[in-house]
């Protein structure tokens, strides 16, 4: 399975809370960095604890795309939260031994920042 296939399957398994599948895609030494909040999840167990203990309801998670090669992949994910927020995430992962190993996730809310005044004419273009 390619790195992009692994990554797509990981995030797709989060939506139905299919933790068995999610865990099977992660290397025992997996780690995830979350630079926006300065968090680091170390080891498959901690990554899975973070996911399974995240407050419900999250909303509707959709993998918009996943691209990559044999050893690395990137994904764009969208979550429509119950409170109406449109959350976006860009993820970048490396594989090891055919499993997801080192990841970085950048989470943000769509439209949460106004463009600088000199770029206002581009607003609403995405």
Protein backbone atom coordinates (compact mmCIF):
# COMPACT_ATOMS: atom_id res chain seq x y z
CA UNK A 1 0.00 0.00 0.00
CA UNK A 2 1.38 3.45 -0.90
CA UNK A 3 1.98 6.09 1.74
CA UNK A 4 -0.93 8.12 0.30
CA UNK A 5 -3.24 5.09 0.56
CA UNK A 6 -2.18 4.52 4.18
CA UNK A 7 -2.77 8.16 5.03
CA UNK A 8 -6.16 8.36 3.33
CA UNK A 9 -7.23 5.17 5.09
CA UNK A 10 -6.04 6.48 8.49
CA UNK A 11 -8.12 9.65 8.35
CA UNK A 12 -11.07 7.87 6.76
CA UNK A 13 -11.06 5.39 9.66
CA UNK A 14 -11.33 8.27 12.15
CA UNK A 15 -14.80 9.29 10.90
CA UNK A 16 -16.60 6.02 11.86
CA UNK A 17 -14.30 5.72 14.91
CA UNK A 18 -12.79 2.54 13.47
CA UNK A 19 -9.92 2.52 15.96
CA UNK A 20 -8.79 -1.01 15.09
CA UNK A 21 -8.10 -0.01 11.49
CA UNK A 22 -6.50 3.29 12.50
CA UNK A 23 -4.15 1.59 14.94
CA UNK A 24 -3.16 -1.03 12.36
CA UNK A 25 -1.87 1.71 10.04
CA UNK A 26 0.44 3.30 12.61
CA UNK A 27 3.99 2.19 13.35
CA UNK A 28 4.60 1.28 16.99
CA UNK A 29 7.02 4.24 17.16
CA UNK A 30 4.63 6.64 15.40
CA UNK A 31 4.64 10.27 16.40
CA UNK A 32 2.52 13.27 15.47
CA UNK A 33 3.56 16.90 15.86
CA UNK A 34 0.86 19.56 16.12
CA UNK A 35 2.85 22.80 15.66
CA UNK A 36 -0.11 25.17 16.05
CA UNK A 37 -0.71 23.97 19.63
CA UNK A 38 2.88 22.86 20.32
CA UNK A 39 1.75 19.30 21.11
CA UNK A 40 3.64 16.10 20.33
CA UNK A 41 2.11 12.63 20.44
CA UNK A 42 4.75 9.94 20.91
CA UNK A 43 4.13 6.27 20.18
CA UNK A 44 1.14 4.53 18.60
CA UNK A 45 -0.53 4.18 22.00
CA UNK A 46 -0.47 7.93 22.70
CA UNK A 47 -1.62 8.79 19.17
CA UNK A 48 -4.60 6.48 19.59
CA UNK A 49 -5.37 7.77 23.11
CA UNK A 50 -5.46 11.31 21.73
CA UNK A 51 -7.95 10.27 19.04
CA UNK A 52 -10.19 8.05 21.16
CA UNK A 53 -10.37 10.56 24.02
CA UNK A 54 -11.05 13.60 21.84
CA UNK A 55 -14.37 15.18 22.93
CA UNK A 56 -17.41 14.13 20.93
CA UNK A 57 -19.01 15.10 18.69
CA UNK A 58 -16.23 16.14 16.33
CA UNK A 59 -18.32 16.66 13.24
CA UNK A 60 -18.10 15.23 9.74
CA UNK A 61 -14.54 14.42 8.62
CA UNK A 62 -13.74 14.19 4.90
CA UNK A 63 -10.40 13.45 3.25
CA UNK A 64 -10.30 15.91 0.36
CA UNK A 65 -7.10 14.47 -1.11
CA UNK A 66 -4.03 12.43 -0.31
CA UNK A 67 -0.91 12.45 -2.44
CA UNK A 68 2.52 10.95 -2.06
CA UNK A 69 5.07 8.40 -3.05
CA UNK A 70 6.39 5.18 -1.57
CA UNK A 71 7.81 6.77 1.61
CA UNK A 72 5.85 9.96 2.29
CA UNK A 73 2.41 11.46 1.84
CA UNK A 74 0.34 14.57 2.40
CA UNK A 75 -3.39 14.88 2.98
CA UNK A 76 -5.92 17.67 3.10
CA UNK A 77 -8.78 17.02 5.52
CA UNK A 78 -11.96 18.96 6.23
CA UNK A 79 -14.11 18.69 9.34
CA UNK A 80 -17.52 20.32 9.57
CA UNK A 81 -17.90 20.76 13.32
CA UNK A 82 -21.29 20.59 15.04
CA UNK A 83 -21.01 24.30 15.94
CA UNK A 84 -20.77 25.19 12.23
CA UNK A 85 -16.99 25.68 12.08
CA UNK A 86 -15.28 24.59 8.88
CA UNK A 87 -11.99 23.14 10.12
CA UNK A 88 -9.12 22.30 7.80
CA UNK A 89 -6.02 20.20 8.32
CA UNK A 90 -2.91 19.61 6.25
CA UNK A 91 -0.99 16.47 7.24
CA UNK A 92 2.46 15.33 6.20
CA UNK A 93 3.67 11.81 7.02
CA UNK A 94 6.66 9.55 6.45
CA UNK A 95 6.44 5.78 6.51
CA UNK A 96 8.66 3.15 8.05
CA UNK A 97 8.30 -0.62 7.68
CA UNK A 98 5.19 -0.07 5.54
CA UNK A 99 3.33 1.91 8.24
CA UNK A 100 2.76 5.57 9.07
CA UNK A 101 5.63 6.69 11.26
CA UNK A 102 6.28 10.45 11.56
CA UNK A 103 3.45 12.92 11.06
CA UNK A 104 2.82 16.62 11.31
CA UNK A 105 -0.71 18.06 11.34
CA UNK A 106 -1.55 21.74 10.83
CA UNK A 107 -5.11 22.55 11.95
CA UNK A 108 -6.95 25.80 11.27
CA UNK A 109 -10.48 27.13 10.82
CA UNK A 110 -11.41 28.25 7.31
CA UNK A 111 -11.97 32.00 7.19
CA UNK A 112 -10.57 32.53 10.68
CA UNK A 113 -8.20 35.26 9.52
CA UNK A 114 -8.94 38.27 7.37
CA UNK A 115 -6.55 38.97 4.51
CA UNK A 116 -4.34 42.05 4.72
CA UNK A 117 -6.04 45.14 3.27
CA UNK A 118 -3.89 45.04 0.13
CA UNK A 119 -5.20 41.53 -0.66
CA UNK A 120 -8.87 42.05 0.17
CA UNK A 121 -9.83 41.71 -3.52
CA UNK A 122 -8.82 38.05 -3.38
CA UNK A 123 -11.16 37.18 -0.48
CA UNK A 124 -13.68 34.47 -1.32
CA UNK A 125 -11.60 33.08 -4.17
CA UNK A 126 -10.88 29.65 -2.58
